[in-house]
Amino acid sequence: METTMPMFHFNSLTGDLFLPDPEGEELPSVAAARKVAEITARDTLIEAVKTGEVAPDCIQVTDSEGHEVVTVLLKDLLHG
């Protein structure tokens, strides 16, 4: 019997603008989803600096039912 991993969605929030991640990604745990969110946030921040675009305020990770499980604030990455 094949077991499937939980699905996580990595949504971007910029002010009042919510950009959902409709596809999501299967990952083994919330801890793994946090790592992916941190990498995504860093990459997004770097790209925003390069292009002059506005970076999102955070990457919000939700489970397959839409419940928030992790939020990575981009401003925290600047101090870490």
N, C-alpha and C. Protein backbone atom coordinates (compact mmCIF):
# COMPACT_ATOMS: atom_id res chain seq x y z
N MET A 1 0.84 -1.19 0.00
CA MET A 1 0.00 0.00 0.00
C MET A 1 0.87 1.24 0.00
N GLU A 2 0.60 2.12 -0.91
CA GLU A 2 1.40 3.33 -1.06
C GLU A 2 0.84 4.44 -0.19
N THR A 3 1.70 5.06 0.60
CA THR A 3 1.26 6.19 1.42
C THR A 3 1.68 7.48 0.74
N THR A 4 0.82 8.46 0.82
CA THR A 4 1.14 9.75 0.23
C THR A 4 1.55 10.72 1.33
N MET A 5 2.42 11.61 0.95
CA MET A 5 2.87 12.63 1.90
C MET A 5 1.84 13.76 1.95
N PRO A 6 1.84 14.50 3.06
CA PRO A 6 0.92 15.64 3.16
C PRO A 6 1.22 16.70 2.09
N MET A 7 0.19 17.38 1.67
CA MET A 7 0.30 18.46 0.68
C MET A 7 0.38 19.80 1.42
N PHE A 8 1.33 20.63 1.02
CA PHE A 8 1.47 21.97 1.59
C PHE A 8 1.43 22.99 0.46
N HIS A 9 0.83 24.15 0.74
CA HIS A 9 0.73 25.24 -0.22
C HIS A 9 1.52 26.43 0.33
N PHE A 10 2.29 27.09 -0.56
CA PHE A 10 3.16 28.19 -0.17
C PHE A 10 2.60 29.48 -0.77
N ASN A 11 1.80 30.17 0.03
CA ASN A 11 1.11 31.37 -0.41
C ASN A 11 1.94 32.61 -0.07
N SER A 12 1.85 33.63 -0.93
CA SER A 12 2.55 34.89 -0.69
C SER A 12 1.55 35.95 -0.24
N LEU A 13 1.93 36.72 0.76
CA LEU A 13 1.11 37.83 1.21
C LEU A 13 1.93 39.11 1.14
N THR A 14 1.38 40.11 0.44
CA THR A 14 2.00 41.41 0.33
C THR A 14 0.93 42.44 0.67
N GLY A 15 1.03 43.02 1.86
CA GLY A 15 -0.02 43.93 2.30
C GLY A 15 -1.36 43.20 2.31
N ASP A 16 -2.31 43.72 1.56
CA ASP A 16 -3.64 43.09 1.46
C ASP A 16 -3.74 42.10 0.30
N LEU A 17 -2.66 41.97 -0.46
CA LEU A 17 -2.66 41.09 -1.63
C LEU A 17 -2.25 39.68 -1.25
N PHE A 18 -3.14 38.73 -1.52
CA PHE A 18 -2.91 37.32 -1.20
C PHE A 18 -2.75 36.57 -2.51
N LEU A 19 -1.59 35.95 -2.71
CA LEU A 19 -1.35 35.15 -3.91
C LEU A 19 -1.27 33.68 -3.52
N PRO A 20 -2.33 32.93 -3.79
CA PRO A 20 -2.35 31.52 -3.39
C PRO A 20 -1.45 30.66 -4.26
N ASP A 21 -1.02 29.58 -3.69
CA ASP A 21 -0.26 28.55 -4.41
C ASP A 21 -1.22 27.41 -4.70
N PRO A 22 -1.81 27.38 -5.90
CA PRO A 22 -2.83 26.36 -6.17
C PRO A 22 -2.26 24.94 -6.32
N GLU A 23 -1.00 24.81 -6.70
CA GLU A 23 -0.45 23.48 -6.95
C GLU A 23 0.03 22.80 -5.67
N GLY A 24 0.76 23.52 -4.83
CA GLY A 24 1.28 22.93 -3.60
C GLY A 24 2.41 21.95 -3.87
N GLU A 25 2.88 21.36 -2.80
CA GLU A 25 3.99 20.42 -2.87
C GLU A 25 3.82 19.37 -1.78
N GLU A 26 4.05 18.13 -2.14
CA GLU A 26 3.99 17.05 -1.15
C GLU A 26 5.32 17.00 -0.40
N LEU A 27 5.25 17.06 0.91
CA LEU A 27 6.44 17.02 1.76
C LEU A 27 6.16 16.12 2.96
N PRO A 28 7.22 15.59 3.57
CA PRO A 28 7.00 14.63 4.65
C PRO A 28 6.51 15.21 5.96
N SER A 29 6.74 16.53 6.21
CA SER A 29 6.38 17.07 7.53
C SER A 29 6.26 18.59 7.48
N VAL A 30 5.73 19.14 8.56
CA VAL A 30 5.66 20.60 8.72
C VAL A 30 7.07 21.18 8.78
N ALA A 31 8.00 20.48 9.40
CA ALA A 31 9.39 20.95 9.47
C ALA A 31 9.99 21.08 8.07
N ALA A 32 9.71 20.11 7.22
CA ALA A 32 10.19 20.17 5.84
C ALA A 32 9.54 21.33 5.10
N ALA A 33 8.25 21.56 5.35
CA ALA A 33 7.54 22.67 4.72
C ALA A 33 8.12 24.00 5.17
N ARG A 34 8.52 24.11 6.44
CA ARG A 34 9.14 25.33 6.94
C ARG A 34 10.44 25.60 6.19
N LYS A 35 11.25 24.57 6.00
CA LYS A 35 12.52 24.74 5.28
C LYS A 35 12.28 25.22 3.85
N VAL A 36 11.31 24.62 3.18
CA VAL A 36 10.98 25.04 1.82
C VAL A 36 10.49 26.48 1.82
N ALA A 37 9.67 26.85 2.79
CA ALA A 37 9.16 28.22 2.89
C ALA A 37 10.30 29.22 3.10
N GLU A 38 11.28 28.86 3.92
CA GLU A 38 12.42 29.74 4.17
C GLU A 38 13.25 29.91 2.90
N ILE A 39 13.47 28.82 2.18
CA ILE A 39 14.22 28.90 0.92
C ILE A 39 13.45 29.75 -0.10
N THR A 40 12.15 29.51 -0.19
CA THR A 40 11.30 30.27 -1.11
C THR A 40 11.33 31.75 -0.76
N ALA A 41 11.24 32.07 0.53
CA ALA A 41 11.26 33.47 0.97
C ALA A 41 12.59 34.13 0.61
N ARG A 42 13.70 33.44 0.86
CA ARG A 42 15.02 34.00 0.51
C ARG A 42 15.14 34.24 -0.99
N ASP A 43 14.73 33.26 -1.78
CA ASP A 43 14.81 33.39 -3.23
C ASP A 43 13.93 34.54 -3.72
N THR A 44 12.76 34.67 -3.13
CA THR A 44 11.83 35.74 -3.50
C THR A 44 12.42 37.11 -3.15
N LEU A 45 13.04 37.20 -1.99
CA LEU A 45 13.66 38.45 -1.55
C LEU A 45 14.81 38.83 -2.48
N ILE A 46 15.64 37.87 -2.83
CA ILE A 46 16.77 38.13 -3.73
C ILE A 46 16.25 38.60 -5.09
N GLU A 47 15.24 37.94 -5.60
CA GLU A 47 14.68 38.31 -6.90
C GLU A 47 14.08 39.71 -6.86
N ALA A 48 13.42 40.06 -5.76
CA ALA A 48 12.83 41.40 -5.62
C ALA A 48 13.91 42.48 -5.61
N VAL A 49 15.02 42.21 -4.95
CA VAL A 49 16.12 43.17 -4.92
C VAL A 49 16.70 43.35 -6.32
N LYS A 50 16.87 42.25 -7.05
CA LYS A 50 17.43 42.30 -8.40
C LYS A 50 16.54 43.06 -9.37
N THR A 51 15.24 42.85 -9.27
CA THR A 51 14.29 43.42 -10.24
C THR A 51 13.67 44.73 -9.81
N GLY A 52 13.82 45.09 -8.53
CA GLY A 52 13.18 46.30 -8.03
C GLY A 52 11.71 46.11 -7.70
N GLU A 53 11.26 44.87 -7.75
CA GLU A 53 9.86 44.56 -7.41
C GLU A 53 9.69 44.62 -5.90
N VAL A 54 8.44 44.67 -5.47
CA VAL A 54 8.13 44.64 -4.05
C VAL A 54 8.09 43.17 -3.60
N ALA A 55 8.87 42.87 -2.59
CA ALA A 55 8.87 41.50 -2.05
C ALA A 55 7.62 41.30 -1.18
N PRO A 56 7.13 40.08 -1.11
CA PRO A 56 6.00 39.83 -0.22
C PRO A 56 6.41 40.01 1.24
N ASP A 57 5.43 40.23 2.07
CA ASP A 57 5.68 40.35 3.51
C ASP A 57 6.02 39.00 4.12
N CYS A 58 5.36 37.96 3.61
CA CYS A 58 5.59 36.64 4.17
C CYS A 58 5.17 35.54 3.21
N ILE A 59 5.67 34.36 3.52
CA ILE A 59 5.22 33.14 2.86
C ILE A 59 4.41 32.37 3.90
N GLN A 60 3.16 32.15 3.58
CA GLN A 60 2.26 31.44 4.50
C GLN A 60 2.06 30.02 3.97
N VAL A 61 2.36 29.07 4.82
CA VAL A 61 2.20 27.66 4.43
C VAL A 61 0.89 27.15 5.01
N THR A 62 0.08 26.56 4.13
CA THR A 62 -1.17 25.96 4.58
C THR A 62 -1.17 24.48 4.21
N ASP A 63 -1.94 23.72 4.97
CA ASP A 63 -2.07 22.29 4.66
C ASP A 63 -3.15 22.11 3.59
N SER A 64 -3.43 20.87 3.26
CA SER A 64 -4.39 20.59 2.19
C SER A 64 -5.80 21.06 2.51
N GLU A 65 -6.08 21.30 3.78
CA GLU A 65 -7.41 21.77 4.18
C GLU A 65 -7.46 23.28 4.34
N GLY A 66 -6.33 23.96 4.04
CA GLY A 66 -6.31 25.41 4.11
C GLY A 66 -5.92 25.98 5.47
N HIS A 67 -5.55 25.13 6.41
CA HIS A 67 -5.14 25.60 7.73
C HIS A 67 -3.69 26.07 7.70
N GLU A 68 -3.44 27.24 8.26
CA GLU A 68 -2.08 27.77 8.31
C GLU A 68 -1.24 26.93 9.28
N VAL A 69 -0.07 26.48 8.81
CA VAL A 69 0.80 25.66 9.65
C VAL A 69 2.13 26.35 9.94
N VAL A 70 2.56 27.24 9.05
CA VAL A 70 3.82 27.96 9.20
C VAL A 70 3.71 29.29 8.47
N THR A 71 4.30 30.34 9.04
CA THR A 71 4.44 31.61 8.34
C THR A 71 5.88 32.06 8.48
N VAL A 72 6.50 32.37 7.35
CA VAL A 72 7.88 32.87 7.34
C VAL A 72 7.82 34.34 6.92
N LEU A 73 8.20 35.22 7.83
CA LEU A 73 8.23 36.65 7.54
C LEU A 73 9.55 36.99 6.86
N LEU A 74 9.49 37.67 5.72
CA LEU A 74 10.71 37.99 5.00
C LEU A 74 11.60 38.94 5.80
N LYS A 75 10.99 39.83 6.60
CA LYS A 75 11.80 40.77 7.38
C LYS A 75 12.68 40.02 8.39
N ASP A 76 12.23 38.86 8.86
CA ASP A 76 13.03 38.07 9.81
C ASP A 76 14.29 37.51 9.14
N LEU A 77 14.22 37.29 7.83
CA LEU A 77 15.38 36.76 7.12
C LEU A 77 16.49 37.80 7.02
N LEU A 78 16.13 39.07 7.07
CA LEU A 78 17.12 40.13 6.98
C LEU A 78 17.94 40.25 8.25
N HIS A 79 17.39 39.81 9.35
CA HIS A 79 18.06 39.92 10.64
C HIS A 79 18.73 38.62 11.06
N GLY A 80 18.49 37.56 10.31
CA GLY A 80 19.01 36.26 10.67
C GLY A 80 20.24 35.95 9.92
